[in-house]
PDB file of N, CA and C in Angstrom:
ATOM      1  N   UNK A   1     -11.467   1.165  16.540  1.00  0.00           N
ATOM      2  CA  UNK A   1     -10.372   2.023  16.538  1.00  0.00           C
ATOM      3  C   UNK A   1     -10.236   2.809  15.226  1.00  0.00           C
ATOM      4  N   UNK A   2     -10.415   2.041  13.970  1.00  0.00           N
ATOM      5  CA  UNK A   2     -10.476   2.627  12.682  1.00  0.00           C
ATOM      6  C   UNK A   2     -11.256   1.800  11.701  1.00  0.00           C
ATOM      7  N   UNK A   3     -11.824   2.635  10.850  1.00  0.00           N
ATOM      8  CA  UNK A   3     -12.837   1.953   9.813  1.00  0.00           C
ATOM      9  C   UNK A   3     -12.740   2.726   8.522  1.00  0.00           C
ATOM     10  N   UNK A   4     -12.930   2.013   7.456  1.00  0.00           N
ATOM     11  CA  UNK A   4     -13.003   2.578   6.094  1.00  0.00           C
ATOM     12  C   UNK A   4     -14.002   1.634   5.389  1.00  0.00           C
ATOM     13  N   UNK A   5     -14.193   2.072   4.100  1.00  0.00           N
ATOM     14  CA  UNK A   5     -15.104   1.247   3.247  1.00  0.00           C
ATOM     15  C   UNK A   5     -14.595  -0.109   3.045  1.00  0.00           C
ATOM     16  N   UNK A   6     -13.226  -0.266   3.220  1.00  0.00           N
ATOM     17  CA  UNK A   6     -12.692  -1.580   2.872  1.00  0.00           C
ATOM     18  C   UNK A   6     -12.463  -2.469   4.033  1.00  0.00           C
ATOM     19  N   UNK A   7     -11.989  -1.941   5.121  1.00  0.00           N
ATOM     20  CA  UNK A   7     -11.650  -2.796   6.360  1.00  0.00           C
ATOM     21  C   UNK A   7     -11.951  -1.976   7.646  1.00  0.00           C
ATOM     22  N   UNK A   8     -11.689  -2.694   8.709  1.00  0.00           N
ATOM     23  CA  UNK A   8     -11.686  -2.189  10.103  1.00  0.00           C
ATOM     24  C   UNK A   8     -10.767  -2.779  10.895  1.00  0.00           C
ATOM     25  N   UNK A   9     -10.221  -1.945  11.921  1.00  0.00           N
ATOM     26  CA  UNK A   9      -9.206  -2.339  12.879  1.00  0.00           C
ATOM     27  C   UNK A   9      -9.739  -2.179  14.293  1.00  0.00           C
ATOM     28  N   UNK A  10      -9.779  -3.221  15.069  1.00  0.00           N
ATOM     29  CA  UNK A  10     -10.130  -3.173  16.474  1.00  0.00           C
ATOM     30  C   UNK A  10      -9.019  -3.830  17.336  1.00  0.00           C
ATOM     31  N   UNK A  11      -8.957  -3.379  18.598  1.00  0.00           N
ATOM     32  CA  UNK A  11      -8.038  -3.914  19.555  1.00  0.00           C
ATOM     33  C   UNK A  11      -8.688  -4.627  20.557  1.00  0.00           C
ATOM     34  N   UNK A  12      -8.118  -5.893  20.943  1.00  0.00           N
ATOM     35  CA  UNK A  12      -8.751  -6.633  22.013  1.00  0.00           C
ATOM     36  C   UNK A  12      -7.806  -6.657  23.195  1.00  0.00           C
ATOM     37  N   UNK A  13      -7.986  -5.938  24.225  1.00  0.00           N
ATOM     38  CA  UNK A  13      -7.077  -5.851  25.373  1.00  0.00           C
ATOM     39  C   UNK A  13      -6.847  -7.175  26.135  1.00  0.00           C
ATOM     40  N   UNK A  14      -7.919  -7.996  26.044  1.00  0.00           N
ATOM     41  CA  UNK A  14      -7.862  -9.396  26.762  1.00  0.00           C
ATOM     42  C   UNK A  14      -6.761 -10.203  26.106  1.00  0.00           C
ATOM     43  N   UNK A  15      -6.738 -10.195  24.669  1.00  0.00           N
ATOM     44  CA  UNK A  15      -5.797 -11.096  24.035  1.00  0.00           C
ATOM     45  C   UNK A  15      -4.524 -10.327  23.595  1.00  0.00           C
ATOM     46  N   UNK A  16      -4.601  -9.052  23.593  1.00  0.00           N
ATOM     47  CA  UNK A  16      -3.501  -8.172  23.136  1.00  0.00           C
ATOM     48  C   UNK A  16      -3.389  -8.283  21.622  1.00  0.00           C
ATOM     49  N   UNK A  17      -4.463  -8.658  20.848  1.00  0.00           N
ATOM     50  CA  UNK A  17      -4.392  -8.762  19.441  1.00  0.00           C
ATOM     51  C   UNK A  17      -5.193  -7.659  18.736  1.00  0.00           C
ATOM     52  N   UNK A  18      -4.742  -7.330  17.579  1.00  0.00           N
ATOM     53  CA  UNK A  18      -5.473  -6.449  16.672  1.00  0.00           C
ATOM     54  C   UNK A  18      -6.316  -7.221  15.701  1.00  0.00           C
ATOM     55  N   UNK A  19      -7.536  -6.956  15.631  1.00  0.00           N
ATOM     56  CA  UNK A  19      -8.432  -7.694  14.733  1.00  0.00           C
ATOM     57  C   UNK A  19      -8.639  -6.704  13.507  1.00  0.00           C
ATOM     58  N   UNK A  20      -8.169  -7.242  12.334  1.00  0.00           N
ATOM     59  CA  UNK A  20      -8.274  -6.473  11.012  1.00  0.00           C
ATOM     60  C   UNK A  20      -9.328  -7.181  10.260  1.00  0.00           C
ATOM     61  N   UNK A  21     -10.490  -6.624   9.893  1.00  0.00           N
ATOM     62  CA  UNK A  21     -11.474  -7.290   9.247  1.00  0.00           C
ATOM     63  C   UNK A  21     -11.621  -6.714   7.895  1.00  0.00           C
ATOM     64  N   UNK A  22     -11.637  -7.631   6.887  1.00  0.00           N
ATOM     65  CA  UNK A  22     -11.773  -7.323   5.506  1.00  0.00           C
ATOM     66  C   UNK A  22     -12.948  -8.184   4.911  1.00  0.00           C
ATOM     67  N   UNK A  23     -14.051  -7.421   4.820  1.00  0.00           N
ATOM     68  CA  UNK A  23     -15.257  -8.213   4.427  1.00  0.00           C
ATOM     69  C   UNK A  23     -15.668  -9.245   5.444  1.00  0.00           C
ATOM     70  N   UNK A  24     -15.752 -10.443   4.991  1.00  0.00           N
ATOM     71  CA  UNK A  24     -16.175 -11.501   5.946  1.00  0.00           C
ATOM     72  C   UNK A  24     -14.929 -12.139   6.649  1.00  0.00           C
ATOM     73  N   UNK A  25     -13.813 -11.721   6.349  1.00  0.00           N
ATOM     74  CA  UNK A  25     -12.565 -12.274   6.968  1.00  0.00           C
ATOM     75  C   UNK A  25     -12.029 -11.326   8.022  1.00  0.00           C
ATOM     76  N   UNK A  26     -11.510 -12.018   9.189  1.00  0.00           N
ATOM     77  CA  UNK A  26     -10.942 -11.226  10.162  1.00  0.00           C
ATOM     78  C   UNK A  26      -9.607 -11.930  10.520  1.00  0.00           C
ATOM     79  N   UNK A  27      -8.529 -11.097  10.376  1.00  0.00           N
ATOM     80  CA  UNK A  27      -7.204 -11.507  10.627  1.00  0.00           C
ATOM     81  C   UNK A  27      -6.815 -10.962  12.022  1.00  0.00           C
ATOM     82  N   UNK A  28      -6.057 -11.717  12.893  1.00  0.00           N
ATOM     83  CA  UNK A  28      -5.642 -11.234  14.104  1.00  0.00           C
ATOM     84  C   UNK A  28      -4.017 -11.163  14.172  1.00  0.00           C
ATOM     85  N   UNK A  29      -3.617  -9.991  14.595  1.00  0.00           N
ATOM     86  CA  UNK A  29      -2.160  -9.669  14.551  1.00  0.00           C
ATOM     87  C   UNK A  29      -1.729  -9.231  15.934  1.00  0.00           C
ATOM     88  N   UNK A  30      -0.557  -9.526  16.323  1.00  0.00           N
ATOM     89  CA  UNK A  30       0.138  -8.851  17.431  1.00  0.00           C
ATOM     90  C   UNK A  30       0.735  -7.600  16.881  1.00  0.00           C
ATOM     91  N   UNK A  31       1.078  -6.663  17.812  1.00  0.00           N
ATOM     92  CA  UNK A  31       1.489  -5.421  17.314  1.00  0.00           C
ATOM     93  C   UNK A  31       2.717  -5.473  16.408  1.00  0.00           C
ATOM     94  N   UNK A  32       3.769  -6.213  16.734  1.00  0.00           N
ATOM     95  CA  UNK A  32       4.852  -6.319  15.749  1.00  0.00           C
ATOM     96  C   UNK A  32       4.458  -6.732  14.336  1.00  0.00           C
ATOM     97  N   UNK A  33       3.583  -7.742  14.378  1.00  0.00           N
ATOM     98  CA  UNK A  33       3.185  -8.244  13.035  1.00  0.00           C
ATOM     99  C   UNK A  33       2.314  -7.226  12.301  1.00  0.00           C
ATOM    100  N   UNK A  34       1.610  -6.413  13.006  1.00  0.00           N
ATOM    101  CA  UNK A  34       0.808  -5.470  12.344  1.00  0.00           C
ATOM    102  C   UNK A  34       1.741  -4.395  11.794  1.00  0.00           C
ATOM    103  N   UNK A  35       2.788  -4.010  12.422  1.00  0.00           N
ATOM    104  CA  UNK A  35       3.778  -3.062  11.992  1.00  0.00           C
ATOM    105  C   UNK A  35       4.448  -3.591  10.653  1.00  0.00           C
ATOM    106  N   UNK A  36       4.806  -4.911  10.619  1.00  0.00           N
ATOM    107  CA  UNK A  36       5.308  -5.477   9.512  1.00  0.00           C
ATOM    108  C   UNK A  36       4.339  -5.532   8.366  1.00  0.00           C
ATOM    109  N   UNK A  37       3.023  -5.821   8.655  1.00  0.00           N
ATOM    110  CA  UNK A  37       2.053  -5.781   7.584  1.00  0.00           C
ATOM    111  C   UNK A  37       1.943  -4.316   7.011  1.00  0.00           C
ATOM    112  N   UNK A  38       1.909  -3.382   7.863  1.00  0.00           N
ATOM    113  CA  UNK A  38       1.908  -1.950   7.408  1.00  0.00           C
ATOM    114  C   UNK A  38       2.981  -1.610   6.480  1.00  0.00           C
ATOM    115  N   UNK A  39       4.319  -1.876   6.969  1.00  0.00           N
ATOM    116  CA  UNK A  39       5.516  -1.631   6.217  1.00  0.00           C
ATOM    117  C   UNK A  39       5.366  -2.333   4.883  1.00  0.00           C
ATOM    118  N   UNK A  40       4.958  -3.570   4.785  1.00  0.00           N
ATOM    119  CA  UNK A  40       4.949  -4.346   3.475  1.00  0.00           C
ATOM    120  C   UNK A  40       3.906  -3.711   2.511  1.00  0.00           C
ATOM    121  N   UNK A  41       2.729  -3.373   3.022  1.00  0.00           N
ATOM    122  CA  UNK A  41       1.725  -2.775   2.230  1.00  0.00           C
ATOM    123  C   UNK A  41       2.179  -1.411   1.677  1.00  0.00           C
ATOM    124  N   UNK A  42       2.789  -0.547   2.532  1.00  0.00           N
ATOM    125  CA  UNK A  42       3.341   0.740   2.154  1.00  0.00           C
ATOM    126  C   UNK A  42       4.412   0.508   1.041  1.00  0.00           C
ATOM    127  N   UNK A  43       5.373  -0.487   1.236  1.00  0.00           N
ATOM    128  CA  UNK A  43       6.280  -0.662   0.334  1.00  0.00           C
ATOM    129  C   UNK A  43       5.789  -1.163  -1.053  1.00  0.00           C
ATOM    130  N   UNK A  44       4.758  -1.884  -1.032  1.00  0.00           N
ATOM    131  CA  UNK A  44       4.103  -2.407  -2.217  1.00  0.00           C
ATOM    132  C   UNK A  44       3.505  -1.185  -2.942  1.00  0.00           C
ATOM    133  N   UNK A  45       2.788  -0.321  -2.240  1.00  0.00           N
ATOM    134  CA  UNK A  45       2.192   0.901  -2.865  1.00  0.00           C
ATOM    135  C   UNK A  45       3.177   1.755  -3.425  1.00  0.00           C
ATOM    136  N   UNK A  46       4.385   1.931  -2.725  1.00  0.00           N
ATOM    137  CA  UNK A  46       5.448   2.820  -3.297  1.00  0.00           C
ATOM    138  C   UNK A  46       5.963   2.188  -4.579  1.00  0.00           C
ATOM    139  N   UNK A  47       6.197   0.937  -4.617  1.00  0.00           N
ATOM    140  CA  UNK A  47       6.723   0.204  -5.797  1.00  0.00           C
ATOM    141  C   UNK A  47       5.730   0.317  -6.942  1.00  0.00           C
ATOM    142  N   UNK A  48       4.448   0.216  -6.664  1.00  0.00           N
ATOM    143  CA  UNK A  48       3.458   0.416  -7.670  1.00  0.00           C
ATOM    144  C   UNK A  48       3.415   1.857  -8.249  1.00  0.00           C
ATOM    145  N   UNK A  49       3.617   2.800  -7.305  1.00  0.00           N
ATOM    146  CA  UNK A  49       3.634   4.184  -7.866  1.00  0.00           C
ATOM    147  C   UNK A  49       4.764   4.347  -8.649  1.00  0.00           C
ATOM    148  N   UNK A  50       5.986   3.928  -8.251  1.00  0.00           N
ATOM    149  CA  UNK A  50       7.312   3.959  -9.033  1.00  0.00           C
ATOM    150  C   UNK A  50       6.953   3.454 -10.407  1.00  0.00           C
ATOM    151  N   UNK A  51       6.471   2.213 -10.526  1.00  0.00           N
ATOM    152  CA  UNK A  51       6.202   1.385 -11.682  1.00  0.00           C
ATOM    153  C   UNK A  51       5.325   2.376 -12.586  1.00  0.00           C
ATOM    154  N   UNK A  52       4.248   2.903 -12.052  1.00  0.00           N
ATOM    155  CA  UNK A  52       3.273   3.781 -12.911  1.00  0.00           C
ATOM    156  C   UNK A  52       4.064   5.035 -13.387  1.00  0.00           C
ATOM    157  N   UNK A  53       4.941   5.627 -12.546  1.00  0.00           N
ATOM    158  CA  UNK A  53       5.631   6.818 -12.937  1.00  0.00           C
ATOM    159  C   UNK A  53       6.610   6.506 -14.076  1.00  0.00           C
ATOM    160  N   UNK A  54       7.293   5.319 -13.990  1.00  0.00           N
ATOM    161  CA  UNK A  54       8.214   4.950 -15.032  1.00  0.00           C
ATOM    162  C   UNK A  54       7.453   4.652 -16.338  1.00  0.00           C
ATOM    163  N   UNK A  55       6.349   4.017 -16.249  1.00  0.00           N
ATOM    164  CA  UNK A  55       5.591   3.923 -17.530  1.00  0.00           C
ATOM    165  C   UNK A  55       5.106   5.095 -18.178  1.00  0.00           C
ATOM    166  N   UNK A  56       4.669   5.984 -17.276  1.00  0.00           N
ATOM    167  CA  UNK A  56       4.138   7.322 -17.869  1.00  0.00           C
ATOM    168  C   UNK A  56       5.229   8.085 -18.531  1.00  0.00           C
ATOM    169  N   UNK A  57       6.418   8.094 -17.789  1.00  0.00           N
ATOM    170  CA  UNK A  57       7.655   8.921 -18.332  1.00  0.00           C
ATOM    171  C   UNK A  57       8.047   8.321 -19.650  1.00  0.00           C
ATOM    172  N   UNK A  58       8.070   6.957 -19.705  1.00  0.00           N
ATOM    173  CA  UNK A  58       8.492   6.276 -20.968  1.00  0.00           C
ATOM    174  C   UNK A  58       7.551   6.458 -22.134  1.00  0.00           C
ATOM    175  N   UNK A  59       6.245   6.820 -21.787  1.00  0.00           N
ATOM    176  CA  UNK A  59       5.281   6.959 -22.825  1.00  0.00           C
ATOM    177  C   UNK A  59       5.326   8.365 -23.378  1.00  0.00           C
ATOM    178  N   UNK A  60       6.002   9.314 -22.855  1.00  0.00           N
ATOM    179  CA  UNK A  60       6.088  10.707 -23.316  1.00  0.00           C
ATOM    180  C   UNK A  60       7.320  10.769 -24.241  1.00  0.00           C
ATOM    181  N   UNK A  61       7.164  11.188 -25.490  1.00  0.00           N
ATOM    182  CA  UNK A  61       8.301  11.326 -26.457  1.00  0.00           C
ATOM    183  C   UNK A  61       9.244  12.245 -25.936  1.00  0.00           C
ATOM    184  N   UNK A  62      10.508  11.913 -26.003  1.00  0.00           N
ATOM    185  CA  UNK A  62      11.658  12.743 -25.564  1.00  0.00           C
ATOM    186  C   UNK A  62      12.112  13.599 -26.835  1.00  0.00           C
ATOM    187  N   UNK A  63      12.561  14.938 -26.549  1.00  0.00           N
ATOM    188  CA  UNK A  63      12.998  15.724 -27.564  1.00  0.00           C
ATOM    189  C   UNK A  63      14.528  15.938 -27.364  1.00  0.00           C
ATOM    190  N   UNK A  64      15.307  15.866 -28.453  1.00  0.00           N
ATOM    191  CA  UNK A  64      16.677  16.200 -28.511  1.00  0.00           C
ATOM    192  C   UNK A  64      16.867  17.669 -28.503  1.00  0.00           C
ATOM    193  N   UNK A  65      17.994  18.132 -28.019  1.00  0.00           N
ATOM    194  CA  UNK A  65      18.344  19.541 -28.062  1.00  0.00           C
ATOM    195  C   UNK A  65      18.153  20.103 -29.587  1.00  0.00           C
ATOM    196  N   UNK A  66      18.328  19.368 -30.518  1.00  0.00           N
ATOM    197  CA  UNK A  66      18.174  19.761 -32.006  1.00  0.00           C
ATOM    198  C   UNK A  66      16.815  19.926 -32.348  1.00  0.00           C
ATOM    199  N   UNK A  67      15.948  19.413 -31.460  1.00  0.00           N
ATOM    200  CA  UNK A  67      14.498  19.590 -31.811  1.00  0.00           C
ATOM    201  C   UNK A  67      13.799  18.331 -32.439  1.00  0.00           C
ATOM    202  N   UNK A  68      14.472  17.237 -32.648  1.00  0.00           N
ATOM    203  CA  UNK A  68      13.907  16.097 -33.297  1.00  0.00           C
ATOM    204  C   UNK A  68      13.465  15.176 -32.257  1.00  0.00           C
ATOM    205  N   UNK A  69      12.400  14.440 -32.516  1.00  0.00           N
ATOM    206  CA  UNK A  69      11.804  13.534 -31.645  1.00  0.00           C
ATOM    207  C   UNK A  69      12.307  12.138 -31.952  1.00  0.00           C
ATOM    208  N   UNK A  70      12.420  11.366 -30.875  1.00  0.00           N
ATOM    209  CA  UNK A  70      12.821   9.942 -31.052  1.00  0.00           C
ATOM    210  C   UNK A  70      12.090   9.110 -30.051  1.00  0.00           C
TER     211      UNK A  70
END
C-alpha cells in the first residue's frame, strides 16, 4: 500500500489488520488503532516543531522601540 525508506504499510484482508514494518519489526494494527497511532505521531511532530520554533525565536535578540538590545 505504501512504502518509504523507513517503513512500509500493507493491509491483510483476511485478518483485517494493517502491517506496519519498521526494519526487522512488523507491528499489526486494526484501523482504529492505526488512526490513533497516526494522530499521536502527528501531535508529537507538531509539538517538536513548536519547541524548535520557540527555541529559535528566543535565540534572536529582541530590540526595544528605543533601539536598545536586551
